[in-house]
Amino acid sequence: RYECLNEQWFLSLPQARQCIADWRQDYNEVRPHSSLGRIPPAQFAQQQRIQTNAAANLNPQVLD
């Protein structure tokens, strides 16, 4: 957040909104996170969905 808000000089509210939206998308979908094993959150979420679906297919009672 610091690199977005404290290193930018916004000239208008629409410019600020766009910059923040771009930063949020990069942070949540592209940028690797050390707490997730140096992969982006979107990739981590996809891996979790795949693992959950695979586990449910192996043990269908889990979802009952």
PDB file of N, CA and C in Angstrom:
ATOM      1  N   ARG A   1       0.817  -1.188   0.000  1.00  0.00           N
ATOM      2  CA  ARG A   1       0.000   0.000   0.000  1.00  0.00           C
ATOM      3  C   ARG A   1       0.864   1.255   0.000  1.00  0.00           C
ATOM      4  N   TYR A   2       1.946   1.208   0.742  1.00  0.00           N
ATOM      5  CA  TYR A   2       2.828   2.371   0.825  1.00  0.00           C
ATOM      6  C   TYR A   2       3.289   2.823  -0.554  1.00  0.00           C
ATOM      7  N   GLU A   3       3.731   1.852  -1.370  1.00  0.00           N
ATOM      8  CA  GLU A   3       4.262   2.212  -2.682  1.00  0.00           C
ATOM      9  C   GLU A   3       3.209   2.807  -3.602  1.00  0.00           C
ATOM     10  N   CYS A   4       1.957   2.561  -3.335  1.00  0.00           N
ATOM     11  CA  CYS A   4       0.900   3.149  -4.150  1.00  0.00           C
ATOM     12  C   CYS A   4       0.510   4.532  -3.631  1.00  0.00           C
ATOM     13  N   LEU A   5       0.196   4.623  -2.364  1.00  0.00           N
ATOM     14  CA  LEU A   5      -0.352   5.866  -1.824  1.00  0.00           C
ATOM     15  C   LEU A   5       0.695   6.918  -1.492  1.00  0.00           C
ATOM     16  N   ASN A   6       1.844   6.512  -1.018  1.00  0.00           N
ATOM     17  CA  ASN A   6       2.836   7.484  -0.565  1.00  0.00           C
ATOM     18  C   ASN A   6       3.853   7.875  -1.625  1.00  0.00           C
ATOM     19  N   GLU A   7       3.857   7.200  -2.747  1.00  0.00           N
ATOM     20  CA  GLU A   7       4.820   7.529  -3.790  1.00  0.00           C
ATOM     21  C   GLU A   7       4.154   8.110  -5.032  1.00  0.00           C
ATOM     22  N   GLN A   8       2.877   8.365  -4.946  1.00  0.00           N
ATOM     23  CA  GLN A   8       2.139   8.935  -6.072  1.00  0.00           C
ATOM     24  C   GLN A   8       1.607  10.313  -5.696  1.00  0.00           C
ATOM     25  N   TRP A   9       1.558  11.183  -6.666  1.00  0.00           N
ATOM     26  CA  TRP A   9       0.943  12.486  -6.477  1.00  0.00           C
ATOM     27  C   TRP A   9      -0.282  12.501  -7.383  1.00  0.00           C
ATOM     28  N   PHE A  10      -1.455  12.368  -6.794  1.00  0.00           N
ATOM     29  CA  PHE A  10      -2.687  12.292  -7.565  1.00  0.00           C
ATOM     30  C   PHE A  10      -3.192  13.693  -7.883  1.00  0.00           C
ATOM     31  N   LEU A  11      -3.535  13.907  -9.138  1.00  0.00           N
ATOM     32  CA  LEU A  11      -4.026  15.210  -9.572  1.00  0.00           C
ATOM     33  C   LEU A  11      -5.541  15.283  -9.582  1.00  0.00           C
ATOM     34  N   SER A  12      -6.188  14.122  -9.491  1.00  0.00           N
ATOM     35  CA  SER A  12      -7.651  14.098  -9.485  1.00  0.00           C
ATOM     36  C   SER A  12      -8.128  12.828  -8.789  1.00  0.00           C
ATOM     37  N   LEU A  13      -9.373  12.845  -8.375  1.00  0.00           N
ATOM     38  CA  LEU A  13      -9.959  11.664  -7.747  1.00  0.00           C
ATOM     39  C   LEU A  13     -10.036  10.488  -8.725  1.00  0.00           C
ATOM     40  N   PRO A  14     -10.459  10.699  -9.975  1.00  0.00           N
ATOM     41  CA  PRO A  14     -10.465   9.568 -10.917  1.00  0.00           C
ATOM     42  C   PRO A  14      -9.070   8.959 -11.124  1.00  0.00           C
ATOM     43  N   GLN A  15      -8.048   9.798 -11.182  1.00  0.00           N
ATOM     44  CA  GLN A  15      -6.684   9.287 -11.324  1.00  0.00           C
ATOM     45  C   GLN A  15      -6.297   8.455 -10.109  1.00  0.00           C
ATOM     46  N   ALA A  16      -6.641   8.921  -8.924  1.00  0.00           N
ATOM     47  CA  ALA A  16      -6.336   8.176  -7.696  1.00  0.00           C
ATOM     48  C   ALA A  16      -7.060   6.840  -7.694  1.00  0.00           C
ATOM     49  N   ARG A  17      -8.325   6.856  -8.053  1.00  0.00           N
ATOM     50  CA  ARG A  17      -9.099   5.606  -8.083  1.00  0.00           C
ATOM     51  C   ARG A  17      -8.497   4.603  -9.055  1.00  0.00           C
ATOM     52  N   GLN A  18      -8.095   5.070 -10.232  1.00  0.00           N
ATOM     53  CA  GLN A  18      -7.518   4.168 -11.232  1.00  0.00           C
ATOM     54  C   GLN A  18      -6.186   3.610 -10.756  1.00  0.00           C
ATOM     55  N   CYS A  19      -5.365   4.461 -10.190  1.00  0.00           N
ATOM     56  CA  CYS A  19      -4.058   4.017  -9.703  1.00  0.00           C
ATOM     57  C   CYS A  19      -4.220   2.980  -8.591  1.00  0.00           C
ATOM     58  N   ILE A  20      -5.142   3.229  -7.679  1.00  0.00           N
ATOM     59  CA  ILE A  20      -5.384   2.297  -6.571  1.00  0.00           C
ATOM     60  C   ILE A  20      -5.952   0.980  -7.093  1.00  0.00           C
ATOM     61  N   ALA A  21      -6.860   1.052  -8.056  1.00  0.00           N
ATOM     62  CA  ALA A  21      -7.425  -0.176  -8.640  1.00  0.00           C
ATOM     63  C   ALA A  21      -6.341  -0.994  -9.339  1.00  0.00           C
ATOM     64  N   ASP A  22      -5.463  -0.321 -10.073  1.00  0.00           N
ATOM     65  CA  ASP A  22      -4.365  -1.022 -10.746  1.00  0.00           C
ATOM     66  C   ASP A  22      -3.436  -1.672  -9.730  1.00  0.00           C
ATOM     67  N   TRP A  23      -3.111  -0.928  -8.672  1.00  0.00           N
ATOM     68  CA  TRP A  23      -2.224  -1.461  -7.634  1.00  0.00           C
ATOM     69  C   TRP A  23      -2.868  -2.666  -6.953  1.00  0.00           C
ATOM     70  N   ARG A  24      -4.153  -2.562  -6.626  1.00  0.00           N
ATOM     71  CA  ARG A  24      -4.853  -3.657  -5.949  1.00  0.00           C
ATOM     72  C   ARG A  24      -4.871  -4.915  -6.816  1.00  0.00           C
ATOM     73  N   GLN A  25      -5.119  -4.751  -8.102  1.00  0.00           N
ATOM     74  CA  GLN A  25      -5.123  -5.910  -8.994  1.00  0.00           C
ATOM     75  C   GLN A  25      -3.736  -6.544  -9.051  1.00  0.00           C
ATOM     76  N   ASP A  26      -2.708  -5.733  -9.179  1.00  0.00           N
ATOM     77  CA  ASP A  26      -1.344  -6.265  -9.208  1.00  0.00           C
ATOM     78  C   ASP A  26      -1.023  -6.980  -7.906  1.00  0.00           C
ATOM     79  N   TYR A  27      -1.375  -6.371  -6.785  1.00  0.00           N
ATOM     80  CA  TYR A  27      -1.059  -6.939  -5.471  1.00  0.00           C
ATOM     81  C   TYR A  27      -1.793  -8.260  -5.245  1.00  0.00           C
ATOM     82  N   ASN A  28      -3.044  -8.333  -5.664  1.00  0.00           N
ATOM     83  CA  ASN A  28      -3.859  -9.518  -5.390  1.00  0.00           C
ATOM     84  C   ASN A  28      -3.768 -10.608  -6.448  1.00  0.00           C
ATOM     85  N   GLU A  29      -3.306 -10.272  -7.641  1.00  0.00           N
ATOM     86  CA  GLU A  29      -3.313 -11.263  -8.711  1.00  0.00           C
ATOM     87  C   GLU A  29      -1.946 -11.569  -9.309  1.00  0.00           C
ATOM     88  N   VAL A  30      -1.010 -10.649  -9.230  1.00  0.00           N
ATOM     89  CA  VAL A  30       0.259 -10.803  -9.943  1.00  0.00           C
ATOM     90  C   VAL A  30       1.453 -10.917  -9.000  1.00  0.00           C
ATOM     91  N   ARG A  31       1.513 -10.085  -8.018  1.00  0.00           N
ATOM     92  CA  ARG A  31       2.690  -9.982  -7.143  1.00  0.00           C
ATOM     93  C   ARG A  31       2.831 -11.200  -6.230  1.00  0.00           C
ATOM     94  N   PRO A  32       3.990 -11.835  -6.221  1.00  0.00           N
ATOM     95  CA  PRO A  32       4.207 -12.980  -5.318  1.00  0.00           C
ATOM     96  C   PRO A  32       4.190 -12.543  -3.850  1.00  0.00           C
ATOM     97  N   HIS A  33       3.654 -13.393  -2.993  1.00  0.00           N
ATOM     98  CA  HIS A  33       3.602 -13.133  -1.555  1.00  0.00           C
ATOM     99  C   HIS A  33       4.426 -14.193  -0.835  1.00  0.00           C
ATOM    100  N   SER A  34       5.296 -13.760   0.042  1.00  0.00           N
ATOM    101  CA  SER A  34       6.160 -14.706   0.761  1.00  0.00           C
ATOM    102  C   SER A  34       5.347 -15.654   1.633  1.00  0.00           C
ATOM    103  N   SER A  35       4.245 -15.175   2.191  1.00  0.00           N
ATOM    104  CA  SER A  35       3.433 -16.030   3.063  1.00  0.00           C
ATOM    105  C   SER A  35       2.708 -17.133   2.294  1.00  0.00           C
ATOM    106  N   LEU A  36       2.662 -17.009   0.970  1.00  0.00           N
ATOM    107  CA  LEU A  36       2.004 -18.020   0.130  1.00  0.00           C
ATOM    108  C   LEU A  36       3.011 -18.843  -0.660  1.00  0.00           C
ATOM    109  N   GLY A  37       4.251 -18.841  -0.225  1.00  0.00           N
ATOM    110  CA  GLY A  37       5.273 -19.615  -0.926  1.00  0.00           C
ATOM    111  C   GLY A  37       5.803 -18.924  -2.164  1.00  0.00           C
ATOM    112  N   ARG A  38       5.812 -17.599  -2.154  1.00  0.00           N
ATOM    113  CA  ARG A  38       6.318 -16.775  -3.262  1.00  0.00           C
ATOM    114  C   ARG A  38       5.520 -16.957  -4.548  1.00  0.00           C
ATOM    115  N   ILE A  39       4.206 -17.172  -4.408  1.00  0.00           N
ATOM    116  CA  ILE A  39       3.328 -17.200  -5.575  1.00  0.00           C
ATOM    117  C   ILE A  39       2.250 -16.136  -5.379  1.00  0.00           C
ATOM    118  N   PRO A  40       1.643 -15.673  -6.463  1.00  0.00           N
ATOM    119  CA  PRO A  40       0.587 -14.671  -6.358  1.00  0.00           C
ATOM    120  C   PRO A  40      -0.673 -15.250  -5.707  1.00  0.00           C
ATOM    121  N   PRO A  41      -1.447 -14.420  -5.011  1.00  0.00           N
ATOM    122  CA  PRO A  41      -2.666 -14.901  -4.360  1.00  0.00           C
ATOM    123  C   PRO A  41      -3.646 -15.581  -5.315  1.00  0.00           C
ATOM    124  N   ALA A  42      -3.800 -15.067  -6.517  1.00  0.00           N
ATOM    125  CA  ALA A  42      -4.729 -15.693  -7.464  1.00  0.00           C
ATOM    126  C   ALA A  42      -4.293 -17.117  -7.802  1.00  0.00           C
ATOM    127  N   GLN A  43      -3.007 -17.315  -7.994  1.00  0.00           N
ATOM    128  CA  GLN A  43      -2.485 -18.659  -8.278  1.00  0.00           C
ATOM    129  C   GLN A  43      -2.654 -19.563  -7.063  1.00  0.00           C
ATOM    130  N   PHE A  44      -2.402 -19.036  -5.879  1.00  0.00           N
ATOM    131  CA  PHE A  44      -2.573 -19.808  -4.650  1.00  0.00           C
ATOM    132  C   PHE A  44      -4.030 -20.251  -4.499  1.00  0.00           C
ATOM    133  N   ALA A  45      -4.964 -19.336  -4.740  1.00  0.00           N
ATOM    134  CA  ALA A  45      -6.388 -19.670  -4.630  1.00  0.00           C
ATOM    135  C   ALA A  45      -6.772 -20.755  -5.627  1.00  0.00           C
ATOM    136  N   GLN A  46      -6.248 -20.657  -6.842  1.00  0.00           N
ATOM    137  CA  GLN A  46      -6.533 -21.678  -7.848  1.00  0.00           C
ATOM    138  C   GLN A  46      -5.995 -23.035  -7.407  1.00  0.00           C
ATOM    139  N   GLN A  47      -4.790 -23.072  -6.871  1.00  0.00           N
ATOM    140  CA  GLN A  47      -4.216 -24.329  -6.392  1.00  0.00           C
ATOM    141  C   GLN A  47      -5.054 -24.911  -5.258  1.00  0.00           C
ATOM    142  N   GLN A  48      -5.554 -24.060  -4.379  1.00  0.00           N
ATOM    143  CA  GLN A  48      -6.382 -24.536  -3.276  1.00  0.00           C
ATOM    144  C   GLN A  48      -7.688 -25.132  -3.783  1.00  0.00           C
ATOM    145  N   ARG A  49      -8.296 -24.487  -4.792  1.00  0.00           N
ATOM    146  CA  ARG A  49      -9.535 -25.032  -5.374  1.00  0.00           C
ATOM    147  C   ARG A  49      -9.281 -26.398  -5.997  1.00  0.00           C
ATOM    148  N   ILE A  50      -8.174 -26.529  -6.712  1.00  0.00           N
ATOM    149  CA  ILE A  50      -7.834 -27.806  -7.352  1.00  0.00           C
ATOM    150  C   ILE A  50      -7.622 -28.884  -6.297  1.00  0.00           C
ATOM    151  N   GLN A  51      -6.888 -28.564  -5.245  1.00  0.00           N
ATOM    152  CA  GLN A  51      -6.630 -29.538  -4.180  1.00  0.00           C
ATOM    153  C   GLN A  51      -7.917 -29.919  -3.456  1.00  0.00           C
ATOM    154  N   THR A  52      -8.780 -28.941  -3.213  1.00  0.00           N
ATOM    155  CA  THR A  52     -10.047 -29.218  -2.532  1.00  0.00           C
ATOM    156  C   THR A  52     -10.929 -30.117  -3.393  1.00  0.00           C
ATOM    157  N   ASN A  53     -11.004 -29.819  -4.685  1.00  0.00           N
ATOM    158  CA  ASN A  53     -11.804 -30.646  -5.592  1.00  0.00           C
ATOM    159  C   ASN A  53     -11.238 -32.057  -5.694  1.00  0.00           C
ATOM    160  N   ALA A  54      -9.928 -32.178  -5.751  1.00  0.00           N
ATOM    161  CA  ALA A  54      -9.304 -33.499  -5.824  1.00  0.00           C
ATOM    162  C   ALA A  54      -9.581 -34.289  -4.551  1.00  0.00           C
ATOM    163  N   ALA A  55      -9.495 -33.637  -3.403  1.00  0.00           N
ATOM    164  CA  ALA A  55      -9.764 -34.313  -2.131  1.00  0.00           C
ATOM    165  C   ALA A  55     -11.228 -34.728  -2.040  1.00  0.00           C
ATOM    166  N   ALA A  56     -12.129 -33.889  -2.519  1.00  0.00           N
ATOM    167  CA  ALA A  56     -13.555 -34.220  -2.486  1.00  0.00           C
ATOM    168  C   ALA A  56     -13.853 -35.404  -3.394  1.00  0.00           C
ATOM    169  N   ASN A  57     -13.163 -35.495  -4.525  1.00  0.00           N
ATOM    170  CA  ASN A  57     -13.365 -36.622  -5.437  1.00  0.00           C
ATOM    171  C   ASN A  57     -12.846 -37.922  -4.840  1.00  0.00           C
ATOM    172  N   LEU A  58     -11.807 -37.845  -4.021  1.00  0.00           N
ATOM    173  CA  LEU A  58     -11.268 -39.042  -3.380  1.00  0.00           C
ATOM    174  C   LEU A  58     -12.122 -39.485  -2.201  1.00  0.00           C
ATOM    175  N   ASN A  59     -12.767 -38.528  -1.537  1.00  0.00           N
ATOM    176  CA  ASN A  59     -13.540 -38.820  -0.337  1.00  0.00           C
ATOM    177  C   ASN A  59     -14.852 -38.032  -0.381  1.00  0.00           C
ATOM    178  N   PRO A  60     -15.857 -38.514  -1.135  1.00  0.00           N
ATOM    179  CA  PRO A  60     -17.098 -37.756  -1.317  1.00  0.00           C
ATOM    180  C   PRO A  60     -17.865 -37.488  -0.020  1.00  0.00           C
ATOM    181  N   GLN A  61     -17.665 -38.270   1.033  1.00  0.00           N
ATOM    182  CA  GLN A  61     -18.386 -38.056   2.284  1.00  0.00           C
ATOM    183  C   GLN A  61     -17.998 -36.739   2.954  1.00  0.00           C
ATOM    184  N   VAL A  62     -16.849 -36.198   2.620  1.00  0.00           N
ATOM    185  CA  VAL A  62     -16.375 -34.965   3.252  1.00  0.00           C
ATOM    186  C   VAL A  62     -17.365 -33.834   3.030  1.00  0.00           C
ATOM    187  N   LEU A  63     -18.017 -33.793   1.891  1.00  0.00           N
ATOM    188  CA  LEU A  63     -18.926 -32.705   1.570  1.00  0.00           C
ATOM    189  C   LEU A  63     -20.336 -32.929   2.091  1.00  0.00           C
ATOM    190  N   ASP A  64     -20.637 -34.091   2.629  1.00  0.00           N
ATOM    191  CA  ASP A  64     -21.992 -34.370   3.135  1.00  0.00           C
ATOM    192  C   ASP A  64     -22.283 -33.624   4.406  1.00  0.00           C
TER     193      ASP A  64
END
